[in-house]
N, C-alpha and C. Protein backbone atom coordinates (compact mmCIF):
# COMPACT_ATOMS: atom_id res chain seq x y z
N VAL A 1 -9.58 -13.56 55.86
CA VAL A 1 -8.59 -14.48 56.42
C VAL A 1 -8.00 -15.33 55.29
N LEU A 2 -6.69 -15.50 55.32
CA LEU A 2 -6.01 -16.39 54.39
C LEU A 2 -5.54 -17.62 55.15
N GLY A 3 -5.79 -18.80 54.58
CA GLY A 3 -5.31 -20.04 55.16
C GLY A 3 -6.31 -20.81 55.98
N GLN A 4 -7.46 -20.21 56.28
CA GLN A 4 -8.49 -20.88 57.08
C GLN A 4 -9.87 -20.50 56.55
N GLU A 5 -10.87 -21.29 56.93
CA GLU A 5 -12.27 -20.99 56.61
C GLU A 5 -12.98 -20.62 57.90
N GLN A 6 -13.56 -19.43 57.92
CA GLN A 6 -14.20 -18.92 59.13
C GLN A 6 -15.61 -19.49 59.29
N ASP A 7 -15.92 -19.96 60.49
CA ASP A 7 -17.29 -20.30 60.85
C ASP A 7 -17.85 -19.28 61.82
N GLY A 8 -17.15 -18.21 61.97
CA GLY A 8 -17.56 -17.05 62.76
C GLY A 8 -16.59 -15.94 62.39
N VAL A 9 -17.00 -14.70 62.53
CA VAL A 9 -16.15 -13.59 62.09
C VAL A 9 -14.83 -13.61 62.86
N GLY A 10 -13.75 -13.83 62.13
CA GLY A 10 -12.42 -13.79 62.72
C GLY A 10 -11.95 -15.06 63.38
N GLY A 11 -12.73 -16.16 63.29
CA GLY A 11 -12.30 -17.37 63.96
C GLY A 11 -13.22 -18.55 63.74
N SER A 12 -13.33 -19.41 64.77
CA SER A 12 -14.09 -20.65 64.70
C SER A 12 -13.61 -21.50 63.52
N PHE A 13 -12.29 -21.67 63.44
CA PHE A 13 -11.69 -22.44 62.36
C PHE A 13 -11.84 -23.93 62.60
N ASP A 14 -11.73 -24.70 61.52
CA ASP A 14 -11.73 -26.16 61.56
C ASP A 14 -10.40 -26.62 60.99
N ALA A 15 -9.60 -27.32 61.81
CA ALA A 15 -8.26 -27.72 61.38
C ALA A 15 -8.27 -28.54 60.10
N SER A 16 -9.32 -29.33 59.90
CA SER A 16 -9.38 -30.19 58.71
C SER A 16 -9.61 -29.37 57.44
N GLN A 17 -9.94 -28.07 57.57
CA GLN A 17 -10.15 -27.20 56.42
C GLN A 17 -8.98 -26.25 56.18
N SER A 18 -7.92 -26.39 56.97
CA SER A 18 -6.80 -25.46 56.87
C SER A 18 -6.03 -25.66 55.56
N TYR A 19 -5.64 -24.56 54.96
CA TYR A 19 -4.85 -24.60 53.73
C TYR A 19 -3.41 -24.95 54.05
N GLN A 20 -2.80 -25.77 53.21
CA GLN A 20 -1.40 -26.15 53.38
C GLN A 20 -0.69 -25.99 52.04
N GLY A 21 0.34 -25.15 52.05
CA GLY A 21 1.06 -24.86 50.82
C GLY A 21 1.48 -23.41 50.76
N ASP A 22 1.75 -22.93 49.54
CA ASP A 22 2.25 -21.58 49.32
C ASP A 22 1.20 -20.72 48.64
N MET A 23 1.32 -19.43 48.84
CA MET A 23 0.38 -18.45 48.30
C MET A 23 1.16 -17.21 47.89
N TYR A 24 0.88 -16.69 46.72
CA TYR A 24 1.61 -15.51 46.26
C TYR A 24 0.70 -14.62 45.42
N ASN A 25 0.98 -13.32 45.49
CA ASN A 25 0.30 -12.32 44.66
C ASN A 25 -1.22 -12.39 44.81
N VAL A 26 -1.67 -12.43 46.05
CA VAL A 26 -3.11 -12.35 46.35
C VAL A 26 -3.57 -10.91 46.12
N ASN A 27 -4.62 -10.75 45.32
CA ASN A 27 -5.19 -9.43 45.08
C ASN A 27 -6.71 -9.53 45.11
N VAL A 28 -7.35 -8.48 45.61
CA VAL A 28 -8.80 -8.43 45.68
C VAL A 28 -9.28 -7.11 45.08
N TRP A 29 -10.18 -7.22 44.11
CA TRP A 29 -10.77 -6.04 43.48
C TRP A 29 -12.24 -5.94 43.86
N GLN A 30 -12.72 -4.74 44.01
CA GLN A 30 -14.12 -4.53 44.35
C GLN A 30 -14.96 -4.35 43.09
N TYR A 31 -14.57 -5.06 42.05
CA TYR A 31 -15.33 -5.11 40.80
C TYR A 31 -14.95 -6.41 40.09
N ALA A 32 -15.69 -6.75 39.06
CA ALA A 32 -15.46 -7.99 38.32
C ALA A 32 -14.43 -7.76 37.22
N LEU A 33 -13.30 -8.45 37.29
CA LEU A 33 -12.34 -8.41 36.20
C LEU A 33 -12.91 -9.15 34.99
N SER A 34 -12.54 -8.69 33.81
CA SER A 34 -12.94 -9.39 32.59
C SER A 34 -12.04 -10.60 32.37
N ALA A 35 -12.48 -11.49 31.49
CA ALA A 35 -11.66 -12.65 31.15
C ALA A 35 -10.31 -12.23 30.58
N GLU A 36 -10.30 -11.15 29.79
CA GLU A 36 -9.06 -10.67 29.21
C GLU A 36 -8.12 -10.15 30.29
N GLN A 37 -8.65 -9.47 31.30
CA GLN A 37 -7.81 -8.96 32.38
C GLN A 37 -7.22 -10.11 33.20
N VAL A 38 -8.04 -11.12 33.48
CA VAL A 38 -7.54 -12.28 34.24
C VAL A 38 -6.48 -13.01 33.43
N SER A 39 -6.71 -13.15 32.14
CA SER A 39 -5.74 -13.82 31.28
C SER A 39 -4.40 -13.08 31.30
N SER A 40 -4.45 -11.75 31.31
CA SER A 40 -3.21 -10.98 31.33
C SER A 40 -2.47 -11.15 32.65
N LEU A 41 -3.22 -11.32 33.76
CA LEU A 41 -2.57 -11.61 35.04
C LEU A 41 -1.81 -12.92 34.97
N PHE A 42 -2.43 -13.92 34.37
CA PHE A 42 -1.78 -15.23 34.25
C PHE A 42 -0.58 -15.17 33.31
N ILE A 43 -0.75 -14.53 32.16
CA ILE A 43 0.32 -14.46 31.17
C ILE A 43 1.53 -13.72 31.73
N SER A 44 1.29 -12.75 32.60
CA SER A 44 2.39 -11.99 33.21
C SER A 44 3.25 -12.86 34.10
N GLY A 45 2.70 -13.98 34.56
CA GLY A 45 3.47 -14.92 35.37
C GLY A 45 3.42 -14.59 36.85
N ARG A 46 3.88 -15.56 37.63
CA ARG A 46 3.80 -15.41 39.09
C ARG A 46 4.57 -14.18 39.57
N CYS A 47 5.71 -13.91 38.97
CA CYS A 47 6.53 -12.78 39.41
C CYS A 47 6.30 -11.53 38.56
N GLY A 48 5.38 -11.62 37.60
CA GLY A 48 5.17 -10.50 36.69
C GLY A 48 4.19 -9.47 37.24
N HIS A 49 3.94 -8.47 36.42
CA HIS A 49 3.04 -7.38 36.81
C HIS A 49 2.26 -6.94 35.58
N SER A 50 0.95 -7.18 35.59
CA SER A 50 0.13 -6.86 34.42
C SER A 50 -0.36 -5.42 34.44
N GLY A 51 -0.34 -4.78 35.60
CA GLY A 51 -0.88 -3.44 35.76
C GLY A 51 -2.24 -3.42 36.43
N HIS A 52 -3.00 -4.51 36.29
CA HIS A 52 -4.33 -4.56 36.92
C HIS A 52 -4.21 -4.63 38.44
N GLU A 53 -3.07 -5.12 38.94
CA GLU A 53 -2.86 -5.19 40.38
C GLU A 53 -2.88 -3.79 41.01
N ASP A 54 -2.54 -2.77 40.23
CA ASP A 54 -2.47 -1.41 40.75
C ASP A 54 -3.84 -0.88 41.18
N ASN A 55 -4.91 -1.48 40.63
CA ASN A 55 -6.26 -1.02 40.95
C ASN A 55 -6.96 -1.89 41.98
N ALA A 56 -6.23 -2.84 42.57
CA ALA A 56 -6.85 -3.75 43.55
C ALA A 56 -7.17 -3.02 44.85
N GLN A 57 -8.30 -3.39 45.42
CA GLN A 57 -8.67 -2.86 46.74
C GLN A 57 -7.69 -3.36 47.80
N VAL A 58 -7.31 -4.63 47.67
CA VAL A 58 -6.28 -5.22 48.52
C VAL A 58 -5.22 -5.81 47.61
N SER A 59 -3.99 -5.35 47.74
CA SER A 59 -2.89 -5.86 46.94
C SER A 59 -2.03 -6.80 47.77
N PHE A 60 -1.14 -7.53 47.09
CA PHE A 60 -0.27 -8.43 47.84
C PHE A 60 0.74 -7.66 48.69
N SER A 61 1.04 -6.44 48.30
CA SER A 61 1.87 -5.60 49.17
C SER A 61 1.17 -5.34 50.50
N ASP A 62 -0.16 -5.15 50.45
CA ASP A 62 -0.93 -4.99 51.69
C ASP A 62 -0.84 -6.26 52.53
N VAL A 63 -0.95 -7.41 51.87
CA VAL A 63 -0.86 -8.69 52.57
C VAL A 63 0.51 -8.85 53.22
N ASN A 64 1.56 -8.47 52.48
CA ASN A 64 2.92 -8.59 52.99
C ASN A 64 3.17 -7.72 54.22
N ASP A 65 2.35 -6.71 54.42
CA ASP A 65 2.50 -5.83 55.59
C ASP A 65 1.88 -6.41 56.85
N GLN A 66 1.16 -7.55 56.73
CA GLN A 66 0.49 -8.15 57.87
C GLN A 66 1.40 -9.19 58.53
N ASP A 67 1.02 -9.58 59.74
CA ASP A 67 1.79 -10.56 60.51
C ASP A 67 1.10 -11.93 60.46
N PRO A 68 1.71 -12.92 59.83
CA PRO A 68 1.14 -14.27 59.84
C PRO A 68 1.09 -14.82 61.27
N GLN A 69 0.12 -15.68 61.51
CA GLN A 69 -0.06 -16.27 62.84
C GLN A 69 0.37 -17.73 62.83
N GLY A 70 0.66 -18.25 64.02
CA GLY A 70 1.08 -19.64 64.15
C GLY A 70 2.40 -19.86 63.44
N ASP A 71 2.47 -20.95 62.67
CA ASP A 71 3.68 -21.28 61.92
C ASP A 71 3.62 -20.81 60.48
N ALA A 72 2.56 -20.09 60.10
CA ALA A 72 2.53 -19.47 58.78
C ALA A 72 3.62 -18.40 58.73
N GLN A 73 4.26 -18.25 57.57
CA GLN A 73 5.36 -17.31 57.48
C GLN A 73 5.59 -16.88 56.04
N PHE A 74 6.22 -15.72 55.90
CA PHE A 74 6.66 -15.26 54.60
C PHE A 74 8.06 -15.79 54.33
N VAL A 75 8.26 -16.34 53.14
CA VAL A 75 9.57 -16.88 52.76
C VAL A 75 9.97 -16.27 51.42
N ASP A 76 11.23 -16.36 51.09
CA ASP A 76 11.76 -15.75 49.88
C ASP A 76 11.05 -16.28 48.64
N ALA A 77 10.65 -15.36 47.77
CA ALA A 77 9.93 -15.73 46.55
C ALA A 77 10.78 -15.57 45.30
N ALA A 78 11.95 -14.98 45.45
CA ALA A 78 12.78 -14.65 44.28
C ALA A 78 11.99 -13.82 43.27
N CYS A 79 11.12 -12.97 43.80
CA CYS A 79 10.26 -12.13 42.96
C CYS A 79 10.29 -10.68 43.44
N GLY A 80 11.44 -10.14 43.72
CA GLY A 80 11.51 -8.77 44.19
C GLY A 80 11.28 -8.68 45.68
N ASP A 81 10.61 -7.61 46.10
CA ASP A 81 10.45 -7.34 47.53
C ASP A 81 9.42 -8.23 48.20
N ASN A 82 8.37 -8.63 47.46
CA ASN A 82 7.33 -9.45 48.06
C ASN A 82 7.81 -10.88 48.32
N LYS A 83 7.22 -11.51 49.31
CA LYS A 83 7.59 -12.87 49.67
C LYS A 83 6.39 -13.81 49.56
N VAL A 84 6.66 -15.09 49.40
CA VAL A 84 5.62 -16.10 49.37
C VAL A 84 5.09 -16.31 50.79
N LEU A 85 3.77 -16.44 50.90
CA LEU A 85 3.15 -16.76 52.18
C LEU A 85 3.02 -18.28 52.26
N ASN A 86 3.70 -18.88 53.23
CA ASN A 86 3.74 -20.33 53.36
C ASN A 86 2.92 -20.79 54.55
N PHE A 87 2.10 -21.84 54.31
CA PHE A 87 1.35 -22.50 55.36
C PHE A 87 1.86 -23.94 55.44
N PRO A 88 2.49 -24.33 56.57
CA PRO A 88 3.14 -25.64 56.65
C PRO A 88 2.15 -26.79 56.65
N SER A 89 2.68 -27.99 56.40
CA SER A 89 1.86 -29.19 56.41
C SER A 89 1.34 -29.48 57.81
N GLY A 90 0.21 -30.18 57.86
CA GLY A 90 -0.39 -30.54 59.13
C GLY A 90 -1.63 -29.73 59.43
N ASP A 91 -2.70 -30.39 59.87
CA ASP A 91 -3.94 -29.71 60.21
C ASP A 91 -3.72 -28.85 61.44
N ASN A 92 -4.02 -27.56 61.33
CA ASN A 92 -3.74 -26.65 62.44
C ASN A 92 -4.56 -25.39 62.27
N ILE A 93 -5.30 -25.01 63.30
CA ILE A 93 -6.10 -23.78 63.23
C ILE A 93 -5.28 -22.54 63.58
N ALA A 94 -4.04 -22.72 63.99
CA ALA A 94 -3.22 -21.58 64.42
C ALA A 94 -2.56 -20.86 63.25
N ASN A 95 -2.53 -21.51 62.07
CA ASN A 95 -1.80 -20.94 60.93
C ASN A 95 -2.74 -20.17 60.02
N TYR A 96 -2.60 -18.85 60.02
CA TYR A 96 -3.45 -18.01 59.17
C TYR A 96 -2.88 -16.60 59.10
N LEU A 97 -3.44 -15.81 58.22
CA LEU A 97 -3.15 -14.38 58.16
C LEU A 97 -4.48 -13.65 58.03
N ALA A 98 -4.71 -12.70 58.90
CA ALA A 98 -5.97 -11.96 58.91
C ALA A 98 -5.74 -10.50 58.57
N PHE A 99 -6.69 -9.91 57.85
CA PHE A 99 -6.63 -8.48 57.57
C PHE A 99 -8.05 -7.98 57.33
N GLU A 100 -8.25 -6.68 57.48
CA GLU A 100 -9.54 -6.06 57.25
C GLU A 100 -9.45 -5.23 55.97
N PRO A 101 -10.10 -5.67 54.89
CA PRO A 101 -9.93 -4.99 53.61
C PRO A 101 -10.66 -3.65 53.50
N GLY A 102 -11.60 -3.38 54.41
CA GLY A 102 -12.28 -2.10 54.38
C GLY A 102 -13.27 -1.96 53.24
N PHE A 103 -13.87 -3.08 52.82
CA PHE A 103 -14.87 -3.03 51.76
C PHE A 103 -16.10 -2.25 52.21
N GLU A 104 -16.70 -1.60 51.25
CA GLU A 104 -18.04 -1.09 51.43
C GLU A 104 -18.99 -2.05 50.72
N GLU A 105 -20.30 -1.81 50.87
CA GLU A 105 -21.26 -2.66 50.17
C GLU A 105 -20.94 -2.65 48.68
N THR A 106 -20.93 -3.81 48.08
CA THR A 106 -20.54 -3.90 46.68
C THR A 106 -21.41 -4.90 45.95
N SER A 107 -21.45 -4.78 44.64
CA SER A 107 -22.21 -5.71 43.81
C SER A 107 -21.30 -6.57 42.96
N ALA A 108 -19.99 -6.51 43.22
CA ALA A 108 -19.05 -7.33 42.46
C ALA A 108 -17.74 -7.45 43.23
N ILE A 109 -17.03 -8.55 42.98
CA ILE A 109 -15.74 -8.77 43.61
C ILE A 109 -14.92 -9.76 42.78
N THR A 110 -13.61 -9.59 42.80
CA THR A 110 -12.69 -10.54 42.18
C THR A 110 -11.56 -10.83 43.17
N VAL A 111 -11.25 -12.11 43.33
CA VAL A 111 -10.14 -12.54 44.18
C VAL A 111 -9.23 -13.43 43.35
N CYS A 112 -7.95 -13.09 43.26
CA CYS A 112 -7.00 -13.88 42.48
C CYS A 112 -5.74 -14.14 43.29
N ALA A 113 -5.08 -15.26 43.01
CA ALA A 113 -3.82 -15.59 43.66
C ALA A 113 -3.10 -16.68 42.89
N TRP A 114 -1.79 -16.73 43.08
CA TRP A 114 -0.99 -17.88 42.67
C TRP A 114 -0.88 -18.81 43.86
N LEU A 115 -1.17 -20.10 43.65
CA LEU A 115 -1.23 -21.06 44.74
C LEU A 115 -0.43 -22.32 44.39
N ARG A 116 0.28 -22.83 45.38
CA ARG A 116 0.94 -24.13 45.23
C ARG A 116 0.62 -24.95 46.48
N LYS A 117 -0.44 -25.75 46.38
CA LYS A 117 -0.89 -26.52 47.53
C LYS A 117 -0.05 -27.78 47.68
N THR A 118 0.04 -28.28 48.90
CA THR A 118 0.82 -29.48 49.18
C THR A 118 -0.05 -30.64 49.62
N THR A 119 -1.37 -30.46 49.60
CA THR A 119 -2.29 -31.54 49.96
C THR A 119 -3.25 -31.77 48.80
N ASN A 120 -3.95 -32.89 48.84
CA ASN A 120 -4.97 -33.18 47.83
C ASN A 120 -6.20 -33.70 48.55
N ASP A 121 -6.69 -32.89 49.48
CA ASP A 121 -7.82 -33.26 50.32
C ASP A 121 -9.06 -32.47 49.97
N ALA A 122 -10.19 -32.96 50.41
CA ALA A 122 -11.43 -32.21 50.26
C ALA A 122 -11.50 -31.12 51.34
N THR A 123 -12.28 -30.11 51.05
CA THR A 123 -12.62 -29.02 51.97
C THR A 123 -11.40 -28.35 52.59
N ARG A 124 -10.51 -27.86 51.72
CA ARG A 124 -9.40 -27.00 52.14
C ARG A 124 -9.63 -25.62 51.53
N TYR A 125 -9.57 -24.59 52.35
CA TYR A 125 -9.90 -23.25 51.87
C TYR A 125 -8.77 -22.27 52.15
N TRP A 126 -8.46 -21.44 51.14
CA TRP A 126 -7.34 -20.50 51.30
C TRP A 126 -7.79 -19.06 51.49
N PHE A 127 -9.03 -18.72 51.10
CA PHE A 127 -9.53 -17.35 51.27
C PHE A 127 -10.93 -17.41 51.88
N SER A 128 -11.13 -16.66 52.95
CA SER A 128 -12.42 -16.63 53.62
C SER A 128 -12.74 -15.21 54.05
N TYR A 129 -13.90 -14.72 53.62
CA TYR A 129 -14.36 -13.39 54.04
C TYR A 129 -15.70 -13.57 54.74
N ALA A 130 -15.79 -13.11 55.97
CA ALA A 130 -16.99 -13.29 56.79
C ALA A 130 -17.48 -11.95 57.32
N VAL A 131 -18.79 -11.82 57.44
CA VAL A 131 -19.40 -10.68 58.10
C VAL A 131 -20.41 -11.21 59.10
N SER A 132 -20.84 -10.38 59.98
CA SER A 132 -21.82 -10.79 60.99
C SER A 132 -23.07 -11.35 60.32
N GLY A 133 -23.42 -12.58 60.68
CA GLY A 133 -24.60 -13.22 60.13
C GLY A 133 -24.35 -13.98 58.85
N SER A 134 -23.12 -13.89 58.30
CA SER A 134 -22.80 -14.60 57.06
C SER A 134 -21.31 -14.92 57.04
N HIS A 135 -20.94 -16.08 57.64
CA HIS A 135 -19.52 -16.42 57.67
C HIS A 135 -19.04 -17.02 56.36
N ASN A 136 -19.96 -17.34 55.45
CA ASN A 136 -19.59 -17.82 54.12
C ASN A 136 -19.86 -16.76 53.07
N GLU A 137 -19.52 -15.52 53.37
CA GLU A 137 -19.77 -14.44 52.43
C GLU A 137 -18.96 -14.63 51.14
N VAL A 138 -17.68 -14.88 51.28
CA VAL A 138 -16.83 -15.19 50.13
C VAL A 138 -15.83 -16.26 50.58
N ILE A 139 -15.77 -17.39 49.86
CA ILE A 139 -14.83 -18.46 50.18
C ILE A 139 -14.24 -19.00 48.87
N LEU A 140 -12.93 -19.22 48.89
CA LEU A 140 -12.25 -19.88 47.77
C LEU A 140 -11.39 -21.00 48.32
N GLY A 141 -11.44 -22.15 47.65
CA GLY A 141 -10.64 -23.27 48.13
C GLY A 141 -10.85 -24.51 47.29
N GLU A 142 -10.85 -25.62 47.99
CA GLU A 142 -10.92 -26.94 47.35
C GLU A 142 -12.03 -27.74 48.02
N HIS A 143 -13.18 -27.83 47.38
CA HIS A 143 -14.31 -28.56 47.96
C HIS A 143 -14.11 -30.06 47.81
N ASP A 144 -13.72 -30.48 46.62
CA ASP A 144 -13.37 -31.87 46.34
C ASP A 144 -11.91 -31.90 45.90
N PRO A 145 -11.20 -33.02 46.08
CA PRO A 145 -9.78 -33.08 45.72
C PRO A 145 -9.51 -32.64 44.28
N SER A 146 -8.51 -31.76 44.13
CA SER A 146 -8.01 -31.24 42.85
C SER A 146 -9.05 -30.42 42.09
N THR A 147 -10.03 -29.85 42.81
CA THR A 147 -10.99 -28.92 42.21
C THR A 147 -10.78 -27.54 42.83
N VAL A 148 -11.39 -26.54 42.21
CA VAL A 148 -11.45 -25.20 42.79
C VAL A 148 -12.90 -24.89 43.08
N SER A 149 -13.19 -24.42 44.29
CA SER A 149 -14.55 -24.05 44.65
C SER A 149 -14.60 -22.57 45.02
N PHE A 150 -15.73 -21.95 44.71
CA PHE A 150 -15.92 -20.51 44.93
C PHE A 150 -17.34 -20.31 45.45
N TYR A 151 -17.43 -19.75 46.66
CA TYR A 151 -18.73 -19.54 47.29
C TYR A 151 -18.98 -18.06 47.53
N ILE A 152 -20.17 -17.63 47.18
CA ILE A 152 -20.65 -16.28 47.50
C ILE A 152 -21.96 -16.44 48.25
N GLN A 153 -21.98 -15.99 49.49
CA GLN A 153 -23.19 -16.06 50.31
C GLN A 153 -23.80 -17.46 50.28
N ASN A 154 -22.95 -18.47 50.50
CA ASN A 154 -23.36 -19.87 50.60
C ASN A 154 -23.76 -20.51 49.29
N GLN A 155 -23.67 -19.79 48.18
CA GLN A 155 -23.96 -20.37 46.88
C GLN A 155 -22.65 -20.59 46.14
N GLY A 156 -22.37 -21.85 45.79
CA GLY A 156 -21.06 -22.15 45.27
C GLY A 156 -21.03 -22.81 43.91
N ILE A 157 -19.88 -22.71 43.27
CA ILE A 157 -19.60 -23.43 42.03
C ILE A 157 -18.26 -24.14 42.22
N VAL A 158 -18.08 -25.27 41.51
CA VAL A 158 -16.88 -26.09 41.66
C VAL A 158 -16.42 -26.51 40.28
N THR A 159 -15.11 -26.45 40.04
CA THR A 159 -14.56 -26.85 38.75
C THR A 159 -14.55 -28.38 38.62
N ASP A 160 -14.22 -28.84 37.44
CA ASP A 160 -14.02 -30.27 37.23
C ASP A 160 -12.77 -30.74 37.97
N THR A 161 -12.72 -32.02 38.28
CA THR A 161 -11.55 -32.61 38.93
C THR A 161 -10.32 -32.46 38.04
N GLY A 162 -9.19 -32.18 38.68
CA GLY A 162 -7.94 -32.03 37.95
C GLY A 162 -7.55 -30.61 37.66
N ALA A 163 -8.42 -29.67 38.01
CA ALA A 163 -8.15 -28.27 37.71
C ALA A 163 -7.03 -27.69 38.57
N TRP A 164 -6.81 -28.28 39.75
CA TRP A 164 -5.84 -27.72 40.69
C TRP A 164 -4.93 -28.83 41.21
N PRO A 165 -3.82 -29.09 40.53
CA PRO A 165 -2.93 -30.19 40.92
C PRO A 165 -2.07 -29.84 42.14
N VAL A 166 -1.52 -30.86 42.76
CA VAL A 166 -0.65 -30.70 43.92
C VAL A 166 0.75 -30.28 43.48
N ASN A 167 1.36 -29.39 44.30
CA ASN A 167 2.76 -28.98 44.11
C ASN A 167 3.05 -28.34 42.76
N VAL A 168 2.04 -27.69 42.21
CA VAL A 168 2.20 -26.97 40.95
C VAL A 168 1.64 -25.56 41.15
N TRP A 169 2.44 -24.54 40.84
CA TRP A 169 1.92 -23.17 40.93
C TRP A 169 0.75 -23.00 39.95
N THR A 170 -0.38 -22.60 40.47
CA THR A 170 -1.62 -22.49 39.69
C THR A 170 -2.25 -21.13 39.96
N HIS A 171 -2.66 -20.45 38.90
CA HIS A 171 -3.31 -19.14 39.06
C HIS A 171 -4.82 -19.34 39.13
N VAL A 172 -5.42 -18.87 40.22
CA VAL A 172 -6.84 -19.09 40.49
C VAL A 172 -7.52 -17.74 40.73
N CYS A 173 -8.67 -17.56 40.08
CA CYS A 173 -9.48 -16.35 40.30
C CYS A 173 -10.94 -16.74 40.50
N GLY A 174 -11.57 -16.12 41.49
CA GLY A 174 -13.02 -16.18 41.67
C GLY A 174 -13.59 -14.81 41.37
N ILE A 175 -14.56 -14.76 40.47
CA ILE A 175 -15.15 -13.49 40.03
C ILE A 175 -16.66 -13.55 40.23
N TRP A 176 -17.21 -12.52 40.86
CA TRP A 176 -18.66 -12.48 41.06
C TRP A 176 -19.19 -11.11 40.72
N ASP A 177 -20.31 -11.09 39.98
CA ASP A 177 -21.04 -9.87 39.67
C ASP A 177 -22.52 -10.15 39.94
N SER A 178 -23.17 -9.27 40.67
CA SER A 178 -24.55 -9.55 41.09
C SER A 178 -25.50 -9.70 39.92
N SER A 179 -25.19 -9.09 38.78
CA SER A 179 -26.09 -9.18 37.63
C SER A 179 -25.76 -10.34 36.70
N LEU A 180 -24.56 -10.91 36.84
CA LEU A 180 -24.13 -11.98 35.92
C LEU A 180 -23.91 -13.31 36.60
N GLY A 181 -23.48 -13.31 37.85
CA GLY A 181 -23.22 -14.55 38.55
C GLY A 181 -21.75 -14.74 38.86
N SER A 182 -21.34 -15.99 38.98
CA SER A 182 -19.99 -16.33 39.43
C SER A 182 -19.20 -17.03 38.35
N VAL A 183 -17.89 -16.81 38.36
CA VAL A 183 -16.97 -17.43 37.41
C VAL A 183 -15.71 -17.84 38.16
N ILE A 184 -15.20 -19.03 37.86
CA ILE A 184 -13.87 -19.43 38.30
C ILE A 184 -12.98 -19.48 37.07
N MET A 185 -11.81 -18.86 37.16
CA MET A 185 -10.83 -18.95 36.09
C MET A 185 -9.55 -19.56 36.66
N VAL A 186 -9.01 -20.56 35.96
CA VAL A 186 -7.80 -21.26 36.37
C VAL A 186 -6.78 -21.15 35.24
N ASN A 187 -5.63 -20.58 35.57
CA ASN A 187 -4.56 -20.38 34.59
C ASN A 187 -5.05 -19.63 33.35
N GLY A 188 -5.83 -18.60 33.62
CA GLY A 188 -6.27 -17.70 32.56
C GLY A 188 -7.42 -18.21 31.71
N GLU A 189 -7.99 -19.36 32.06
CA GLU A 189 -9.09 -19.92 31.28
C GLU A 189 -10.29 -20.20 32.19
N TYR A 190 -11.47 -20.26 31.59
CA TYR A 190 -12.68 -20.53 32.36
C TYR A 190 -12.64 -21.93 32.96
N GLY A 191 -12.89 -22.00 34.25
CA GLY A 191 -13.00 -23.29 34.92
C GLY A 191 -14.43 -23.67 35.20
N LYS A 192 -15.27 -22.66 35.48
CA LYS A 192 -16.69 -22.91 35.76
C LYS A 192 -17.40 -21.57 35.76
N GLN A 193 -18.65 -21.58 35.27
CA GLN A 193 -19.48 -20.37 35.30
C GLN A 193 -20.85 -20.72 35.86
N TRP A 194 -21.44 -19.76 36.54
CA TRP A 194 -22.81 -19.92 37.02
C TRP A 194 -23.50 -18.58 36.87
N TYR A 195 -24.58 -18.57 36.10
CA TYR A 195 -25.25 -17.32 35.82
C TYR A 195 -26.39 -17.10 36.80
N GLN A 196 -26.37 -15.93 37.41
CA GLN A 196 -27.36 -15.57 38.42
C GLN A 196 -28.75 -15.52 37.81
N ARG A 197 -29.71 -16.14 38.49
CA ARG A 197 -31.07 -16.12 37.98
C ARG A 197 -32.07 -15.62 39.03
N ARG A 198 -31.55 -15.22 40.19
CA ARG A 198 -32.45 -14.69 41.20
C ARG A 198 -32.45 -13.17 41.13
N VAL A 199 -33.22 -12.55 41.98
CA VAL A 199 -33.30 -11.09 41.98
C VAL A 199 -31.92 -10.50 42.25
N ARG A 200 -31.57 -9.49 41.52
CA ARG A 200 -30.26 -8.89 41.69
C ARG A 200 -30.13 -8.29 43.09
N GLY A 201 -28.93 -8.40 43.64
CA GLY A 201 -28.72 -7.88 44.97
C GLY A 201 -27.29 -7.46 45.17
N HIS A 202 -26.92 -7.33 46.41
CA HIS A 202 -25.58 -6.91 46.77
C HIS A 202 -25.01 -7.85 47.80
N ALA A 203 -23.72 -8.06 47.73
CA ALA A 203 -23.04 -8.75 48.82
C ALA A 203 -22.62 -7.68 49.81
N PHE A 204 -22.88 -7.91 51.07
CA PHE A 204 -22.54 -6.94 52.08
C PHE A 204 -21.12 -7.24 52.55
N LEU A 205 -20.16 -6.66 51.86
CA LEU A 205 -18.76 -6.90 52.14
C LEU A 205 -18.21 -5.67 52.87
N MET A 206 -18.19 -5.76 54.18
CA MET A 206 -17.76 -4.63 54.98
C MET A 206 -16.76 -5.11 56.00
N CYS A 207 -15.87 -4.21 56.45
CA CYS A 207 -14.87 -4.61 57.43
C CYS A 207 -15.52 -4.79 58.80
């Protein structure tokens, strides 16, 4: 789900956690991108194409094929055929876009997007992946104002304050590998790292 944080598979949203702002070039890979690959995504720019998008399990073209709900809508991006996904101001559980990525069990994942938020509140989330028994399987958003937070199976990392300003297009990536841990990259640079120290495992990311 884009634009809301799930407390149950496909729903149980909290309006106070709804994302407000614009979203573009959302891509999801079923492996961990390297720092160099993420940097190339950023350097290519919001309307650019680095080539790594071609290998994404879910591309923004896939997202563009879905129907936004509520007052969420696609608007002109001046970036070719794809459009910006806009979530209007105001707390509302009706505004979201849902899709089933068709993941199989995996030991790594990367989620990246260009974001321009219009709020500076705590606990706003733009990406939420839930499975039965684990509604916090993968979450990306803003835990504290102007930070980026990334949760995998309820274990999260958060950047320093100021990493994600209001009304500024910002490139955000959450990267997780079961053998290495989690990384947040903001505008092509490391925002936060957490190295896994527990027994290696898998995230059960299934449709």
